[in-house]
Amino acid sequence: MGHDAQWPTLSPCRTGLRGHCPRCGRGHLFEGFLTVRPACEVCGLDYGFADPADGPAFFVICFACVPSVALAVWIETFYQPPFWVHLLTSLPFLLLTCILPLRPLKGWLVASQFFYKAEQGKLDRGSGLRRDRL
């Protein structure tokens, strides 16, 4: 699945989770916490193809937010602590488990888009079975 003879094929997990360029593995993917750079500063790869949309947020909601809220509800149900205890336990846990994974997940999704040459879907009207053949 190499994209260019001069660049080695790199794993999306290895480059994306670290926030590195999916083509060269040395440049940075982000400028800030979640903002994707316009291009790689090392190899010049244009990151215009990168559009993970709501993918990182979806994964974080499914795999981090739901368990974090379930933990807070469990603490409330069994211990019924005062509100300030939730501010010291549940809120920091919720913030850590929901914010920290966003960047690695977005990097992984962008690197996967490059690795698998993902593009917007298109209708191919010239192929397939025609109705008169059914």
C-alpha atoms as a PDB file:
ATOM      1  CA  MET A   1       0.000   0.000   0.000  1.00  0.00           C
ATOM      2  CA  GLY A   2       2.928   2.304  -0.597  1.00  0.00           C
ATOM      3  CA  HIS A   3       2.044   5.736  -1.920  1.00  0.00           C
ATOM      4  CA  ASP A   4       5.403   6.751  -3.281  1.00  0.00           C
ATOM      5  CA  ALA A   5       8.559   4.784  -4.010  1.00  0.00           C
ATOM      6  CA  GLN A   6      10.750   7.174  -2.022  1.00  0.00           C
ATOM      7  CA  TRP A   7       8.734   6.932   1.223  1.00  0.00           C
ATOM      8  CA  PRO A   8       8.447   3.755   3.305  1.00  0.00           C
ATOM      9  CA  THR A   9       5.016   2.427   4.171  1.00  0.00           C
ATOM     10  CA  LEU A  10       4.333   3.399   7.781  1.00  0.00           C
ATOM     11  CA  SER A  11       1.678   2.039  10.101  1.00  0.00           C
ATOM     12  CA  PRO A  12      -1.208   4.453  10.813  1.00  0.00           C
ATOM     13  CA  CYS A  13      -1.105   3.399  14.460  1.00  0.00           C
ATOM     14  CA  ARG A  14       2.584   4.149  14.804  1.00  0.00           C
ATOM     15  CA  THR A  15       2.460   7.566  13.159  1.00  0.00           C
ATOM     16  CA  GLY A  16      -1.077   8.718  13.914  1.00  0.00           C
ATOM     17  CA  LEU A  17      -1.177   7.985  17.627  1.00  0.00           C
ATOM     18  CA  ARG A  18       2.055   9.942  18.045  1.00  0.00           C
ATOM     19  CA  GLY A  19       0.809  12.860  15.918  1.00  0.00           C
ATOM     20  CA  HIS A  20       3.447  12.419  13.213  1.00  0.00           C
ATOM     21  CA  CYS A  21       3.170  12.749   9.450  1.00  0.00           C
ATOM     22  CA  PRO A  22       1.633   9.612   7.908  1.00  0.00           C
ATOM     23  CA  ARG A  23       4.062   9.677   4.946  1.00  0.00           C
ATOM     24  CA  CYS A  24       7.499  10.388   6.453  1.00  0.00           C
ATOM     25  CA  GLY A  25       6.840   9.736  10.160  1.00  0.00           C
ATOM     26  CA  ARG A  26       9.024  12.674  11.194  1.00  0.00           C
ATOM     27  CA  GLY A  27       6.939  15.805  10.653  1.00  0.00           C
ATOM     28  CA  HIS A  28       4.183  16.962  12.943  1.00  0.00           C
ATOM     29  CA  LEU A  29       0.505  16.461  12.146  1.00  0.00           C
ATOM     30  CA  PHE A  30      -0.916  19.047  14.548  1.00  0.00           C
ATOM     31  CA  GLU A  31      -0.326  22.716  15.255  1.00  0.00           C
ATOM     32  CA  GLY A  32      -2.041  23.072  18.584  1.00  0.00           C
ATOM     33  CA  PHE A  33      -4.153  20.510  20.378  1.00  0.00           C
ATOM     34  CA  LEU A  34      -6.513  19.386  17.586  1.00  0.00           C
ATOM     35  CA  THR A  35      -5.772  21.682  14.627  1.00  0.00           C
ATOM     36  CA  VAL A  36      -4.269  19.808  11.684  1.00  0.00           C
ATOM     37  CA  ARG A  37      -1.356  21.621  10.007  1.00  0.00           C
ATOM     38  CA  PRO A  38      -1.750  22.614   6.353  1.00  0.00           C
ATOM     39  CA  ALA A  39       1.261  20.461   5.366  1.00  0.00           C
ATOM     40  CA  CYS A  40       4.154  18.454   6.801  1.00  0.00           C
ATOM     41  CA  GLU A  41       7.207  20.585   7.541  1.00  0.00           C
ATOM     42  CA  VAL A  42       9.580  17.715   6.650  1.00  0.00           C
ATOM     43  CA  CYS A  43       8.238  16.044   3.487  1.00  0.00           C
ATOM     44  CA  GLY A  44       5.697  18.652   2.357  1.00  0.00           C
ATOM     45  CA  LEU A  45       2.688  16.309   2.335  1.00  0.00           C
ATOM     46  CA  ASP A  46      -0.468  18.389   1.955  1.00  0.00           C
ATOM     47  CA  TYR A  47      -2.906  17.484   4.720  1.00  0.00           C
ATOM     48  CA  GLY A  48      -5.862  18.706   2.666  1.00  0.00           C
ATOM     49  CA  PHE A  49      -7.109  15.110   2.443  1.00  0.00           C
ATOM     50  CA  ALA A  50      -7.502  14.946   6.228  1.00  0.00           C
ATOM     51  CA  ASP A  51     -11.113  15.018   7.322  1.00  0.00           C
ATOM     52  CA  PRO A  52     -11.806  12.776  10.305  1.00  0.00           C
ATOM     53  CA  ALA A  53     -15.047  14.730  10.937  1.00  0.00           C
ATOM     54  CA  ASP A  54     -16.682  13.577  14.186  1.00  0.00           C
ATOM     55  CA  GLY A  55     -14.854  10.235  14.332  1.00  0.00           C
ATOM     56  CA  PRO A  56     -12.616  11.041  17.315  1.00  0.00           C
ATOM     57  CA  ALA A  57     -15.524  12.498  19.284  1.00  0.00           C
ATOM     58  CA  PHE A  58     -17.670   9.432  18.514  1.00  0.00           C
ATOM     59  CA  PHE A  59     -15.007   7.015  19.777  1.00  0.00           C
ATOM     60  CA  VAL A  60     -14.392   9.078  22.905  1.00  0.00           C
ATOM     61  CA  ILE A  61     -18.116   9.269  23.662  1.00  0.00           C
ATOM     62  CA  CYS A  62     -18.553   5.511  23.220  1.00  0.00           C
ATOM     63  CA  PHE A  63     -15.452   4.282  24.983  1.00  0.00           C
ATOM     64  CA  ALA A  64     -14.654   6.984  27.554  1.00  0.00           C
ATOM     65  CA  CYS A  65     -17.645   9.202  28.332  1.00  0.00           C
ATOM     66  CA  VAL A  66     -20.164   6.436  28.915  1.00  0.00           C
ATOM     67  CA  PRO A  67     -17.953   4.518  31.395  1.00  0.00           C
ATOM     68  CA  SER A  68     -16.947   7.771  33.133  1.00  0.00           C
ATOM     69  CA  VAL A  69     -20.563   8.804  33.629  1.00  0.00           C
ATOM     70  CA  ALA A  70     -21.413   5.269  34.739  1.00  0.00           C
ATOM     71  CA  LEU A  71     -18.676   5.530  37.385  1.00  0.00           C
ATOM     72  CA  ALA A  72     -20.081   8.850  38.623  1.00  0.00           C
ATOM     73  CA  VAL A  73     -23.588   7.381  38.799  1.00  0.00           C
ATOM     74  CA  TRP A  74     -22.260   4.322  40.647  1.00  0.00           C
ATOM     75  CA  ILE A  75     -20.454   6.535  43.184  1.00  0.00           C
ATOM     76  CA  GLU A  76     -23.623   8.571  43.677  1.00  0.00           C
ATOM     77  CA  THR A  77     -25.843   5.502  44.025  1.00  0.00           C
ATOM     78  CA  PHE A  78     -23.732   3.556  46.503  1.00  0.00           C
ATOM     79  CA  TYR A  79     -22.093   6.297  48.555  1.00  0.00           C
ATOM     80  CA  GLN A  80     -24.347   9.340  48.061  1.00  0.00           C
ATOM     81  CA  PRO A  81     -21.457  11.744  48.666  1.00  0.00           C
ATOM     82  CA  PRO A  82     -21.844  15.510  48.836  1.00  0.00           C
ATOM     83  CA  PHE A  83     -21.595  17.425  45.580  1.00  0.00           C
ATOM     84  CA  TRP A  84     -18.031  18.600  46.257  1.00  0.00           C
ATOM     85  CA  VAL A  85     -16.816  14.980  46.277  1.00  0.00           C
ATOM     86  CA  HIS A  86     -17.988  14.627  42.666  1.00  0.00           C
ATOM     87  CA  LEU A  87     -16.148  17.843  41.829  1.00  0.00           C
ATOM     88  CA  LEU A  88     -12.946  16.305  43.188  1.00  0.00           C
ATOM     89  CA  THR A  89     -13.354  12.770  41.825  1.00  0.00           C
ATOM     90  CA  SER A  90     -15.863  12.358  39.009  1.00  0.00           C
ATOM     91  CA  LEU A  91     -15.267  15.627  37.166  1.00  0.00           C
ATOM     92  CA  PRO A  92     -11.454  15.286  36.823  1.00  0.00           C
ATOM     93  CA  PHE A  93     -11.819  11.626  35.829  1.00  0.00           C
ATOM     94  CA  LEU A  94     -14.417  12.558  33.215  1.00  0.00           C
ATOM     95  CA  LEU A  95     -12.270  15.353  31.808  1.00  0.00           C
ATOM     96  CA  LEU A  96      -9.117  13.229  31.666  1.00  0.00           C
ATOM     97  CA  THR A  97     -10.774  10.258  29.988  1.00  0.00           C
ATOM     98  CA  CYS A  98     -12.662  12.403  27.473  1.00  0.00           C
ATOM     99  CA  ILE A  99     -10.142  15.067  26.443  1.00  0.00           C
ATOM    100  CA  LEU A 100      -6.803  13.248  26.437  1.00  0.00           C
ATOM    101  CA  PRO A 101      -7.723  10.558  23.850  1.00  0.00           C
ATOM    102  CA  LEU A 102      -9.022  13.078  21.266  1.00  0.00           C
ATOM    103  CA  ARG A 103      -5.634  13.982  19.781  1.00  0.00           C
ATOM    104  CA  PRO A 104      -4.260  10.430  19.363  1.00  0.00           C
ATOM    105  CA  LEU A 105      -7.563   9.243  17.910  1.00  0.00           C
ATOM    106  CA  LYS A 106      -7.709  12.122  15.432  1.00  0.00           C
ATOM    107  CA  GLY A 107      -4.104  11.445  14.428  1.00  0.00           C
ATOM    108  CA  TRP A 108      -4.850   7.758  13.928  1.00  0.00           C
ATOM    109  CA  LEU A 109      -7.904   8.533  11.770  1.00  0.00           C
ATOM    110  CA  VAL A 110      -5.986  11.028   9.604  1.00  0.00           C
ATOM    111  CA  ALA A 111      -3.075   8.587   9.186  1.00  0.00           C
ATOM    112  CA  SER A 112      -5.548   5.819   8.287  1.00  0.00           C
ATOM    113  CA  GLN A 113      -7.116   8.036   5.639  1.00  0.00           C
ATOM    114  CA  PHE A 114      -3.700   8.531   4.070  1.00  0.00           C
ATOM    115  CA  PHE A 115      -2.660   4.879   4.392  1.00  0.00           C
ATOM    116  CA  TYR A 116      -5.852   3.487   2.859  1.00  0.00           C
ATOM    117  CA  LYS A 117      -6.216   6.337   0.313  1.00  0.00           C
ATOM    118  CA  ALA A 118      -9.676   7.159   1.644  1.00  0.00           C
ATOM    119  CA  GLU A 119     -11.772   9.545  -0.422  1.00  0.00           C
ATOM    120  CA  GLN A 120     -15.292  10.764  -0.537  1.00  0.00           C
ATOM    121  CA  GLY A 121     -17.690   8.140  -1.881  1.00  0.00           C
ATOM    122  CA  LYS A 122     -18.881   8.464  -5.472  1.00  0.00           C
ATOM    123  CA  LEU A 123     -21.702   6.818  -7.361  1.00  0.00           C
ATOM    124  CA  ASP A 124     -20.635   4.674 -10.290  1.00  0.00           C
ATOM    125  CA  ARG A 125     -23.581   4.730 -12.661  1.00  0.00           C
ATOM    126  CA  GLY A 126     -21.814   2.815 -15.434  1.00  0.00           C
ATOM    127  CA  SER A 127     -21.463  -0.540 -13.699  1.00  0.00           C
ATOM    128  CA  GLY A 128     -23.664  -2.986 -11.901  1.00  0.00           C
ATOM    129  CA  LEU A 129     -26.797  -4.837 -12.928  1.00  0.00           C
ATOM    130  CA  ARG A 130     -29.359  -3.077 -15.027  1.00  0.00           C
ATOM    131  CA  ARG A 131     -33.032  -3.376 -14.150  1.00  0.00           C
ATOM    132  CA  ASP A 132     -33.934  -5.064 -17.459  1.00  0.00           C
ATOM    133  CA  ARG A 133     -31.534  -7.932 -16.669  1.00  0.00           C
ATOM    134  CA  LEU A 134     -33.183  -8.761 -13.366  1.00  0.00           C
END
